[in-house]
Amino acid sequence: MTKHFSKWAAKQKIPRHELFLALTEIMAGNFEANLGRNLYKKRIHFKGQGKSGSGRTIICYKKDDRAIFVHGFAKNEKSNLSKKELIAFKELSKILLRLSPEEIEIAIKNKDLIEVKS
């Protein structure tokens, strides 16, 4: 996950196992929307709430390669991404999915990316 997403997830008190569950669901083809360019919208559970009323995450995902949480928002904050946000996240997805394994390791070491483990 990106540093930006990590801060949002911490503020929302989303446990890591919820993030891991969301990733496994995406890998199984279970997501709310394919936004194009390897970008997906996935519901996520907030503590004490069901998925439908909780949060939405935006994830860059390329099968058999990598998945990176890039953005999150509560359903009561907004219903969807704006056109400008969608364009920006598609560009970010393109950049993140082109990173080499070495560049990913450097980003993790520099804490620009945070690894989600079960």
N, C-alpha and C. Protein backbone atom coordinates (compact mmCIF):
# COMPACT_ATOMS: atom_id res chain seq x y z
N MET A 1 0.84 -1.17 0.00
CA MET A 1 0.00 0.00 0.00
C MET A 1 0.89 1.24 0.00
N THR A 2 0.32 2.32 -0.53
CA THR A 2 1.08 3.57 -0.53
C THR A 2 1.08 4.17 0.88
N LYS A 3 2.00 5.08 1.12
CA LYS A 3 2.07 5.76 2.41
C LYS A 3 0.75 6.50 2.66
N HIS A 4 0.23 7.16 1.63
CA HIS A 4 -1.04 7.89 1.74
C HIS A 4 -2.17 6.96 2.18
N PHE A 5 -2.28 5.81 1.54
CA PHE A 5 -3.32 4.85 1.89
C PHE A 5 -3.11 4.32 3.31
N SER A 6 -1.86 4.05 3.66
CA SER A 6 -1.54 3.52 4.99
C SER A 6 -2.02 4.47 6.09
N LYS A 7 -1.82 5.77 5.89
CA LYS A 7 -2.28 6.76 6.88
C LYS A 7 -3.80 6.75 6.99
N TRP A 8 -4.48 6.67 5.84
CA TRP A 8 -5.94 6.63 5.85
C TRP A 8 -6.43 5.37 6.57
N ALA A 9 -5.84 4.22 6.26
CA ALA A 9 -6.24 2.95 6.87
C ALA A 9 -6.02 2.98 8.39
N ALA A 10 -4.92 3.58 8.82
CA ALA A 10 -4.65 3.68 10.26
C ALA A 10 -5.68 4.59 10.93
N LYS A 11 -6.02 5.69 10.29
CA LYS A 11 -7.01 6.62 10.83
C LYS A 11 -8.38 5.94 10.96
N GLN A 12 -8.71 5.09 10.00
CA GLN A 12 -9.98 4.36 10.02
C GLN A 12 -9.92 3.11 10.90
N LYS A 13 -8.73 2.80 11.42
CA LYS A 13 -8.50 1.63 12.27
C LYS A 13 -8.85 0.32 11.55
N ILE A 14 -8.42 0.23 10.29
CA ILE A 14 -8.66 -0.97 9.50
C ILE A 14 -7.55 -1.97 9.80
N PRO A 15 -7.89 -3.13 10.33
CA PRO A 15 -6.85 -4.12 10.63
C PRO A 15 -6.22 -4.67 9.36
N ARG A 16 -4.96 -5.04 9.45
CA ARG A 16 -4.24 -5.59 8.30
C ARG A 16 -4.93 -6.81 7.71
N HIS A 17 -5.53 -7.64 8.57
CA HIS A 17 -6.19 -8.84 8.04
C HIS A 17 -7.37 -8.47 7.13
N GLU A 18 -8.02 -7.32 7.36
CA GLU A 18 -9.10 -6.86 6.46
C GLU A 18 -8.52 -6.49 5.09
N LEU A 19 -7.35 -5.86 5.10
CA LEU A 19 -6.70 -5.51 3.84
C LEU A 19 -6.30 -6.78 3.09
N PHE A 20 -5.75 -7.73 3.81
CA PHE A 20 -5.35 -8.99 3.18
C PHE A 20 -6.57 -9.71 2.61
N LEU A 21 -7.68 -9.70 3.35
CA LEU A 21 -8.92 -10.32 2.86
C LEU A 21 -9.38 -9.64 1.57
N ALA A 22 -9.32 -8.30 1.53
CA ALA A 22 -9.71 -7.57 0.32
C ALA A 22 -8.83 -7.98 -0.86
N LEU A 23 -7.54 -8.15 -0.62
CA LEU A 23 -6.63 -8.57 -1.70
C LEU A 23 -6.97 -9.97 -2.19
N THR A 24 -7.25 -10.88 -1.28
CA THR A 24 -7.57 -12.24 -1.71
C THR A 24 -8.89 -12.26 -2.50
N GLU A 25 -9.84 -11.41 -2.11
CA GLU A 25 -11.10 -11.33 -2.85
C GLU A 25 -10.88 -10.77 -4.26
N ILE A 26 -10.04 -9.77 -4.37
CA ILE A 26 -9.74 -9.20 -5.70
C ILE A 26 -9.08 -10.25 -6.58
N MET A 27 -8.12 -10.99 -6.01
CA MET A 27 -7.44 -12.02 -6.78
C MET A 27 -8.41 -13.10 -7.26
N ALA A 28 -9.49 -13.31 -6.50
CA ALA A 28 -10.50 -14.30 -6.86
C ALA A 28 -11.54 -13.71 -7.83
N GLY A 29 -11.37 -12.43 -8.20
CA GLY A 29 -12.30 -11.80 -9.13
C GLY A 29 -13.51 -11.16 -8.47
N ASN A 30 -13.47 -11.01 -7.14
CA ASN A 30 -14.57 -10.43 -6.39
C ASN A 30 -14.25 -8.96 -6.07
N PHE A 31 -14.82 -8.04 -6.84
CA PHE A 31 -14.61 -6.61 -6.63
C PHE A 31 -15.86 -5.86 -7.08
N GLU A 32 -15.97 -4.61 -6.69
CA GLU A 32 -17.16 -3.82 -7.01
C GLU A 32 -17.10 -3.21 -8.41
N ALA A 33 -15.90 -2.81 -8.84
CA ALA A 33 -15.80 -2.18 -10.16
C ALA A 33 -14.39 -2.31 -10.72
N ASN A 34 -14.33 -2.59 -12.03
CA ASN A 34 -13.08 -2.53 -12.77
C ASN A 34 -13.06 -1.14 -13.39
N LEU A 35 -12.15 -0.30 -12.94
CA LEU A 35 -12.09 1.09 -13.38
C LEU A 35 -11.23 1.28 -14.62
N GLY A 36 -10.63 0.18 -15.11
CA GLY A 36 -9.76 0.25 -16.28
C GLY A 36 -8.31 0.43 -15.88
N ARG A 37 -7.42 0.06 -16.80
CA ARG A 37 -5.97 0.17 -16.57
C ARG A 37 -5.51 -0.46 -15.27
N ASN A 38 -6.00 -1.67 -14.99
CA ASN A 38 -5.59 -2.42 -13.80
C ASN A 38 -5.95 -1.72 -12.49
N LEU A 39 -7.03 -0.97 -12.50
CA LEU A 39 -7.48 -0.24 -11.32
C LEU A 39 -8.86 -0.77 -10.93
N TYR A 40 -9.01 -1.10 -9.63
CA TYR A 40 -10.24 -1.70 -9.15
C TYR A 40 -10.75 -0.99 -7.91
N LYS A 41 -12.07 -0.99 -7.76
CA LYS A 41 -12.70 -0.47 -6.54
C LYS A 41 -13.19 -1.67 -5.75
N LYS A 42 -12.86 -1.69 -4.45
CA LYS A 42 -13.21 -2.82 -3.58
C LYS A 42 -13.75 -2.29 -2.26
N ARG A 43 -14.89 -2.82 -1.83
CA ARG A 43 -15.43 -2.47 -0.51
C ARG A 43 -14.54 -3.07 0.57
N ILE A 44 -14.49 -2.35 1.68
CA ILE A 44 -13.72 -2.84 2.82
C ILE A 44 -14.52 -2.57 4.10
N HIS A 45 -14.39 -3.46 5.03
CA HIS A 45 -15.14 -3.42 6.28
C HIS A 45 -14.48 -2.50 7.29
N PHE A 46 -15.27 -1.59 7.88
CA PHE A 46 -14.82 -0.79 9.03
C PHE A 46 -15.31 -1.50 10.28
N LYS A 47 -14.54 -1.42 11.34
CA LYS A 47 -14.89 -2.07 12.59
C LYS A 47 -16.28 -1.61 13.05
N GLY A 48 -17.14 -2.58 13.34
CA GLY A 48 -18.48 -2.27 13.83
C GLY A 48 -19.49 -1.97 12.74
N GLN A 49 -19.10 -2.08 11.47
CA GLN A 49 -20.01 -1.81 10.35
C GLN A 49 -19.90 -2.93 9.33
N GLY A 50 -20.91 -3.04 8.50
CA GLY A 50 -20.86 -3.98 7.39
C GLY A 50 -20.12 -3.36 6.23
N LYS A 51 -19.80 -4.17 5.23
CA LYS A 51 -19.06 -3.67 4.07
C LYS A 51 -19.84 -2.62 3.28
N SER A 52 -21.16 -2.79 3.17
CA SER A 52 -21.92 -1.89 2.31
C SER A 52 -21.91 -0.45 2.82
N GLY A 53 -21.81 -0.25 4.12
CA GLY A 53 -21.81 1.10 4.66
C GLY A 53 -20.44 1.59 5.08
N SER A 54 -19.42 0.85 4.80
CA SER A 54 -18.08 1.20 5.28
C SER A 54 -17.27 1.94 4.24
N GLY A 55 -16.09 1.40 3.91
CA GLY A 55 -15.16 2.10 3.05
C GLY A 55 -15.03 1.52 1.66
N ARG A 56 -14.41 2.30 0.83
CA ARG A 56 -14.09 1.89 -0.53
C ARG A 56 -12.59 2.06 -0.70
N THR A 57 -11.98 1.11 -1.36
CA THR A 57 -10.55 1.22 -1.64
C THR A 57 -10.34 1.19 -3.15
N ILE A 58 -9.28 1.84 -3.56
CA ILE A 58 -8.86 1.82 -4.95
C ILE A 58 -7.53 1.07 -4.97
N ILE A 59 -7.48 0.01 -5.79
CA ILE A 59 -6.32 -0.89 -5.79
C ILE A 59 -5.80 -1.06 -7.22
N CYS A 60 -4.49 -0.90 -7.38
CA CYS A 60 -3.82 -1.25 -8.64
C CYS A 60 -3.57 -2.75 -8.55
N TYR A 61 -4.02 -3.51 -9.53
CA TYR A 61 -3.85 -4.95 -9.47
C TYR A 61 -3.55 -5.50 -10.85
N LYS A 62 -2.46 -6.24 -10.92
CA LYS A 62 -2.10 -6.96 -12.13
C LYS A 62 -1.93 -8.41 -11.74
N LYS A 63 -2.76 -9.27 -12.34
CA LYS A 63 -2.78 -10.69 -11.98
C LYS A 63 -1.39 -11.31 -12.05
N ASP A 64 -1.07 -12.12 -11.05
CA ASP A 64 0.21 -12.83 -10.95
C ASP A 64 1.40 -11.89 -10.88
N ASP A 65 1.17 -10.63 -10.49
CA ASP A 65 2.28 -9.69 -10.40
C ASP A 65 2.23 -8.95 -9.07
N ARG A 66 1.30 -7.99 -8.94
CA ARG A 66 1.24 -7.22 -7.69
C ARG A 66 -0.10 -6.54 -7.54
N ALA A 67 -0.37 -6.15 -6.30
CA ALA A 67 -1.55 -5.37 -5.95
C ALA A 67 -1.11 -4.30 -4.97
N ILE A 68 -1.55 -3.07 -5.22
CA ILE A 68 -1.15 -1.95 -4.36
C ILE A 68 -2.38 -1.10 -4.05
N PHE A 69 -2.69 -0.98 -2.75
CA PHE A 69 -3.75 -0.07 -2.32
C PHE A 69 -3.23 1.36 -2.51
N VAL A 70 -4.02 2.19 -3.23
CA VAL A 70 -3.57 3.56 -3.47
C VAL A 70 -4.47 4.62 -2.86
N HIS A 71 -5.74 4.28 -2.57
CA HIS A 71 -6.66 5.30 -2.06
C HIS A 71 -7.79 4.63 -1.32
N GLY A 72 -8.32 5.33 -0.34
CA GLY A 72 -9.47 4.85 0.39
C GLY A 72 -10.37 6.00 0.77
N PHE A 73 -11.66 5.70 0.87
CA PHE A 73 -12.61 6.71 1.32
C PHE A 73 -13.82 6.03 1.93
N ALA A 74 -14.44 6.73 2.87
CA ALA A 74 -15.66 6.21 3.48
C ALA A 74 -16.82 6.50 2.55
N LYS A 75 -17.78 5.60 2.52
CA LYS A 75 -18.94 5.77 1.64
C LYS A 75 -19.69 7.05 1.98
N ASN A 76 -19.71 7.43 3.25
CA ASN A 76 -20.43 8.64 3.63
C ASN A 76 -19.66 9.91 3.30
N GLU A 77 -18.38 9.81 2.92
CA GLU A 77 -17.59 10.97 2.50
C GLU A 77 -17.91 11.36 1.06
N LYS A 78 -17.97 10.35 0.21
CA LYS A 78 -18.29 10.57 -1.20
C LYS A 78 -18.74 9.25 -1.80
N SER A 79 -19.49 9.33 -2.90
CA SER A 79 -20.03 8.11 -3.48
C SER A 79 -19.07 7.47 -4.47
N ASN A 80 -18.23 8.29 -5.10
CA ASN A 80 -17.33 7.75 -6.11
C ASN A 80 -16.18 8.72 -6.37
N LEU A 81 -15.24 8.29 -7.20
CA LEU A 81 -14.13 9.15 -7.59
C LEU A 81 -14.60 10.18 -8.62
N SER A 82 -14.00 11.35 -8.59
CA SER A 82 -14.28 12.34 -9.63
C SER A 82 -13.54 11.92 -10.90
N LYS A 83 -13.87 12.53 -12.03
CA LYS A 83 -13.19 12.21 -13.28
C LYS A 83 -11.70 12.53 -13.18
N LYS A 84 -11.35 13.65 -12.53
CA LYS A 84 -9.94 14.02 -12.36
C LYS A 84 -9.20 13.00 -11.50
N GLU A 85 -9.85 12.55 -10.42
CA GLU A 85 -9.23 11.54 -9.56
C GLU A 85 -9.01 10.25 -10.33
N LEU A 86 -10.00 9.84 -11.09
CA LEU A 86 -9.88 8.60 -11.86
C LEU A 86 -8.72 8.66 -12.84
N ILE A 87 -8.58 9.77 -13.54
CA ILE A 87 -7.46 9.95 -14.48
C ILE A 87 -6.14 9.88 -13.74
N ALA A 88 -6.05 10.57 -12.60
CA ALA A 88 -4.81 10.58 -11.81
C ALA A 88 -4.46 9.18 -11.30
N PHE A 89 -5.45 8.45 -10.81
CA PHE A 89 -5.18 7.10 -10.29
C PHE A 89 -4.81 6.13 -11.40
N LYS A 90 -5.36 6.32 -12.58
CA LYS A 90 -4.97 5.47 -13.71
C LYS A 90 -3.51 5.72 -14.08
N GLU A 91 -3.08 6.97 -14.04
CA GLU A 91 -1.67 7.29 -14.31
C GLU A 91 -0.78 6.70 -13.22
N LEU A 92 -1.19 6.85 -11.96
CA LEU A 92 -0.43 6.28 -10.86
C LEU A 92 -0.33 4.76 -11.00
N SER A 93 -1.42 4.12 -11.37
CA SER A 93 -1.42 2.68 -11.57
C SER A 93 -0.40 2.27 -12.63
N LYS A 94 -0.37 3.00 -13.71
CA LYS A 94 0.57 2.70 -14.79
C LYS A 94 2.01 2.78 -14.27
N ILE A 95 2.30 3.79 -13.47
CA ILE A 95 3.65 3.97 -12.92
C ILE A 95 3.99 2.85 -11.93
N LEU A 96 3.08 2.59 -11.00
CA LEU A 96 3.35 1.59 -9.97
C LEU A 96 3.52 0.19 -10.54
N LEU A 97 2.74 -0.13 -11.56
CA LEU A 97 2.82 -1.47 -12.13
C LEU A 97 4.03 -1.66 -13.03
N ARG A 98 4.71 -0.57 -13.37
CA ARG A 98 5.94 -0.66 -14.17
C ARG A 98 7.19 -0.75 -13.30
N LEU A 99 7.06 -0.55 -11.99
CA LEU A 99 8.23 -0.61 -11.12
C LEU A 99 8.84 -2.00 -11.14
N SER A 100 10.15 -2.04 -11.17
CA SER A 100 10.85 -3.33 -11.12
C SER A 100 10.81 -3.86 -9.68
N PRO A 101 11.06 -5.15 -9.50
CA PRO A 101 11.12 -5.70 -8.13
C PRO A 101 12.14 -4.95 -7.26
N GLU A 102 13.24 -4.54 -7.86
CA GLU A 102 14.25 -3.79 -7.10
C GLU A 102 13.71 -2.43 -6.67
N GLU A 103 12.98 -1.76 -7.55
CA GLU A 103 12.39 -0.46 -7.21
C GLU A 103 11.32 -0.61 -6.14
N ILE A 104 10.58 -1.69 -6.19
CA ILE A 104 9.58 -1.96 -5.14
C ILE A 104 10.28 -2.14 -3.79
N GLU A 105 11.36 -2.92 -3.77
CA GLU A 105 12.10 -3.14 -2.52
C GLU A 105 12.64 -1.82 -1.96
N ILE A 106 13.15 -0.95 -2.83
CA ILE A 106 13.64 0.36 -2.38
C ILE A 106 12.50 1.18 -1.81
N ALA A 107 11.35 1.18 -2.47
CA ALA A 107 10.18 1.93 -1.99
C ALA A 107 9.71 1.41 -0.63
N ILE A 108 9.77 0.09 -0.44
CA ILE A 108 9.40 -0.48 0.85
C ILE A 108 10.43 -0.08 1.92
N LYS A 109 11.70 -0.16 1.56
CA LYS A 109 12.76 0.23 2.49
C LYS A 109 12.65 1.70 2.89
N ASN A 110 12.25 2.55 1.94
CA ASN A 110 12.09 3.99 2.20
C ASN A 110 10.73 4.33 2.81
N LYS A 111 9.89 3.32 3.00
CA LYS A 111 8.55 3.44 3.57
C LYS A 111 7.60 4.27 2.69
N ASP A 112 7.88 4.30 1.38
CA ASP A 112 6.95 4.91 0.43
C ASP A 112 5.83 3.92 0.11
N LEU A 113 6.16 2.62 0.19
CA LEU A 113 5.20 1.54 0.07
C LEU A 113 5.29 0.69 1.32
N ILE A 114 4.16 0.17 1.78
CA ILE A 114 4.11 -0.67 2.97
C ILE A 114 3.52 -2.01 2.55
N GLU A 115 4.22 -3.08 2.88
CA GLU A 115 3.78 -4.42 2.49
C GLU A 115 2.62 -4.88 3.39
N VAL A 116 1.60 -5.46 2.76
CA VAL A 116 0.46 -6.01 3.49
C VAL A 116 0.67 -7.52 3.57
N LYS A 117 0.77 -8.01 4.80
CA LYS A 117 0.96 -9.43 5.03
C LYS A 117 -0.18 -9.94 5.88
N SER A 118 -0.47 -11.24 5.75
CA SER A 118 -1.57 -11.83 6.54
C SER A 118 -1.14 -12.03 7.98
